[in-house]
Amino acid sequence: MTDGPTIVGATLGPGHDGRAEVVVELAYPNGARSRMSVAQEAATRALDTAGLGSLAELVGQPWTVLVMAPTTAPD
């Protein structure tokens, strides 16, 4: 169990720059919900870091799985 928001949904959506983004729905312990967009590259890193194989596997994870992935500088 987590004290913070939990991921309750994750789908692909269009980004403002024409590239795909992952739209993540979060549920908070007090019952509130919100959505956030995550760049596809960042979502891919988060999935890899967490050992997850698909967006569906994000459901039930704490939202911090999205920010725990290491960033890499472009070559």
C-alpha atoms as a PDB file:
ATOM      1  CA  MET A   1       0.000   0.000   0.000  1.00  0.00           C
ATOM      2  CA  THR A   2       1.199   3.490  -0.753  1.00  0.00           C
ATOM      3  CA  ASP A   3       0.473   6.801   0.933  1.00  0.00           C
ATOM      4  CA  GLY A   4       0.464   8.651  -2.379  1.00  0.00           C
ATOM      5  CA  PRO A   5      -1.384   8.328  -5.667  1.00  0.00           C
ATOM      6  CA  THR A   6      -1.692   4.978  -7.403  1.00  0.00           C
ATOM      7  CA  ILE A   7      -1.885   4.465 -11.154  1.00  0.00           C
ATOM      8  CA  VAL A   8      -5.361   3.277 -12.141  1.00  0.00           C
ATOM      9  CA  GLY A   9      -5.088   3.655 -15.918  1.00  0.00           C
ATOM     10  CA  ALA A  10      -2.558   4.269 -18.679  1.00  0.00           C
ATOM     11  CA  THR A  11      -3.297   4.793 -22.366  1.00  0.00           C
ATOM     12  CA  LEU A  12      -1.589   6.248 -25.399  1.00  0.00           C
ATOM     13  CA  GLY A  13      -2.695   9.707 -26.427  1.00  0.00           C
ATOM     14  CA  PRO A  14      -1.631  12.417 -28.834  1.00  0.00           C
ATOM     15  CA  GLY A  15       0.959  14.910 -27.690  1.00  0.00           C
ATOM     16  CA  HIS A  16       0.907  18.572 -28.594  1.00  0.00           C
ATOM     17  CA  ASP A  17       3.979  18.062 -30.792  1.00  0.00           C
ATOM     18  CA  GLY A  18       2.412  15.222 -32.790  1.00  0.00           C
ATOM     19  CA  ARG A  19       4.248  12.481 -30.903  1.00  0.00           C
ATOM     20  CA  ALA A  20       2.562   9.887 -28.730  1.00  0.00           C
ATOM     21  CA  GLU A  21       2.328  10.461 -25.000  1.00  0.00           C
ATOM     22  CA  VAL A  22       1.146   8.190 -22.232  1.00  0.00           C
ATOM     23  CA  VAL A  23      -1.886   9.533 -20.373  1.00  0.00           C
ATOM     24  CA  VAL A  24      -1.823   8.212 -16.826  1.00  0.00           C
ATOM     25  CA  GLU A  25      -4.811   8.357 -14.478  1.00  0.00           C
ATOM     26  CA  LEU A  26      -3.989   8.576 -10.790  1.00  0.00           C
ATOM     27  CA  ALA A  27      -6.182   7.795  -7.780  1.00  0.00           C
ATOM     28  CA  TYR A  28      -5.391   9.433  -4.454  1.00  0.00           C
ATOM     29  CA  PRO A  29      -6.046   7.911  -1.018  1.00  0.00           C
ATOM     30  CA  ASN A  30      -8.818  10.495  -0.419  1.00  0.00           C
ATOM     31  CA  GLY A  31     -10.684   9.319  -3.541  1.00  0.00           C
ATOM     32  CA  ALA A  32      -9.646  12.179  -5.837  1.00  0.00           C
ATOM     33  CA  ARG A  33      -8.419  11.400  -9.351  1.00  0.00           C
ATOM     34  CA  SER A  34      -6.243  13.249 -11.815  1.00  0.00           C
ATOM     35  CA  ARG A  35      -4.529  12.687 -15.131  1.00  0.00           C
ATOM     36  CA  MET A  36      -1.046  13.459 -16.283  1.00  0.00           C
ATOM     37  CA  SER A  37       0.766  13.110 -19.590  1.00  0.00           C
ATOM     38  CA  VAL A  38       4.158  11.467 -19.786  1.00  0.00           C
ATOM     39  CA  ALA A  39       6.394  11.611 -22.844  1.00  0.00           C
ATOM     40  CA  GLN A  40       6.617   8.246 -24.582  1.00  0.00           C
ATOM     41  CA  GLU A  41      10.391   8.068 -24.074  1.00  0.00           C
ATOM     42  CA  ALA A  42      10.051   8.693 -20.331  1.00  0.00           C
ATOM     43  CA  ALA A  43       7.270   6.111 -20.048  1.00  0.00           C
ATOM     44  CA  THR A  44       9.411   3.544 -21.861  1.00  0.00           C
ATOM     45  CA  ARG A  45      12.305   4.171 -19.442  1.00  0.00           C
ATOM     46  CA  ALA A  46       9.933   3.870 -16.475  1.00  0.00           C
ATOM     47  CA  LEU A  47       8.540   0.556 -17.737  1.00  0.00           C
ATOM     48  CA  ASP A  48      12.048  -0.802 -18.319  1.00  0.00           C
ATOM     49  CA  THR A  49      13.305   0.353 -14.917  1.00  0.00           C
ATOM     50  CA  ALA A  50      10.306  -1.165 -13.120  1.00  0.00           C
ATOM     51  CA  GLY A  51      10.602  -4.431 -15.076  1.00  0.00           C
ATOM     52  CA  LEU A  52       7.169  -3.986 -16.641  1.00  0.00           C
ATOM     53  CA  GLY A  53       6.329  -5.115 -20.162  1.00  0.00           C
ATOM     54  CA  SER A  54       3.235  -3.066 -20.995  1.00  0.00           C
ATOM     55  CA  LEU A  55       1.220  -0.001 -20.057  1.00  0.00           C
ATOM     56  CA  ALA A  56      -1.408  -2.279 -18.515  1.00  0.00           C
ATOM     57  CA  GLU A  57       1.161  -3.398 -15.940  1.00  0.00           C
ATOM     58  CA  LEU A  58       1.386   0.173 -14.644  1.00  0.00           C
ATOM     59  CA  VAL A  59      -2.079  -0.220 -13.103  1.00  0.00           C
ATOM     60  CA  GLY A  60      -1.718  -0.679  -9.349  1.00  0.00           C
ATOM     61  CA  GLN A  61       1.784   0.798  -9.241  1.00  0.00           C
ATOM     62  CA  PRO A  62       2.574   3.907  -7.183  1.00  0.00           C
ATOM     63  CA  TRP A  63       2.894   7.037  -9.321  1.00  0.00           C
ATOM     64  CA  THR A  64       6.564   7.300  -8.317  1.00  0.00           C
ATOM     65  CA  VAL A  65       7.390   4.454 -10.728  1.00  0.00           C
ATOM     66  CA  LEU A  66       7.142   7.151 -13.417  1.00  0.00           C
ATOM     67  CA  VAL A  67       9.781   9.385 -11.855  1.00  0.00           C
ATOM     68  CA  MET A  68      12.190   6.779 -10.519  1.00  0.00           C
ATOM     69  CA  ALA A  69      13.579   5.917 -13.958  1.00  0.00           C
ATOM     70  CA  PRO A  70      17.077   7.245 -14.610  1.00  0.00           C
ATOM     71  CA  THR A  71      17.416   9.888 -17.269  1.00  0.00           C
ATOM     72  CA  THR A  72      19.995   9.626 -19.973  1.00  0.00           C
ATOM     73  CA  ALA A  73      21.631  12.444 -21.847  1.00  0.00           C
ATOM     74  CA  PRO A  74      21.207  12.389 -25.615  1.00  0.00           C
ATOM     75  CA  ASP A  75      24.236  11.192 -27.578  1.00  0.00           C
END
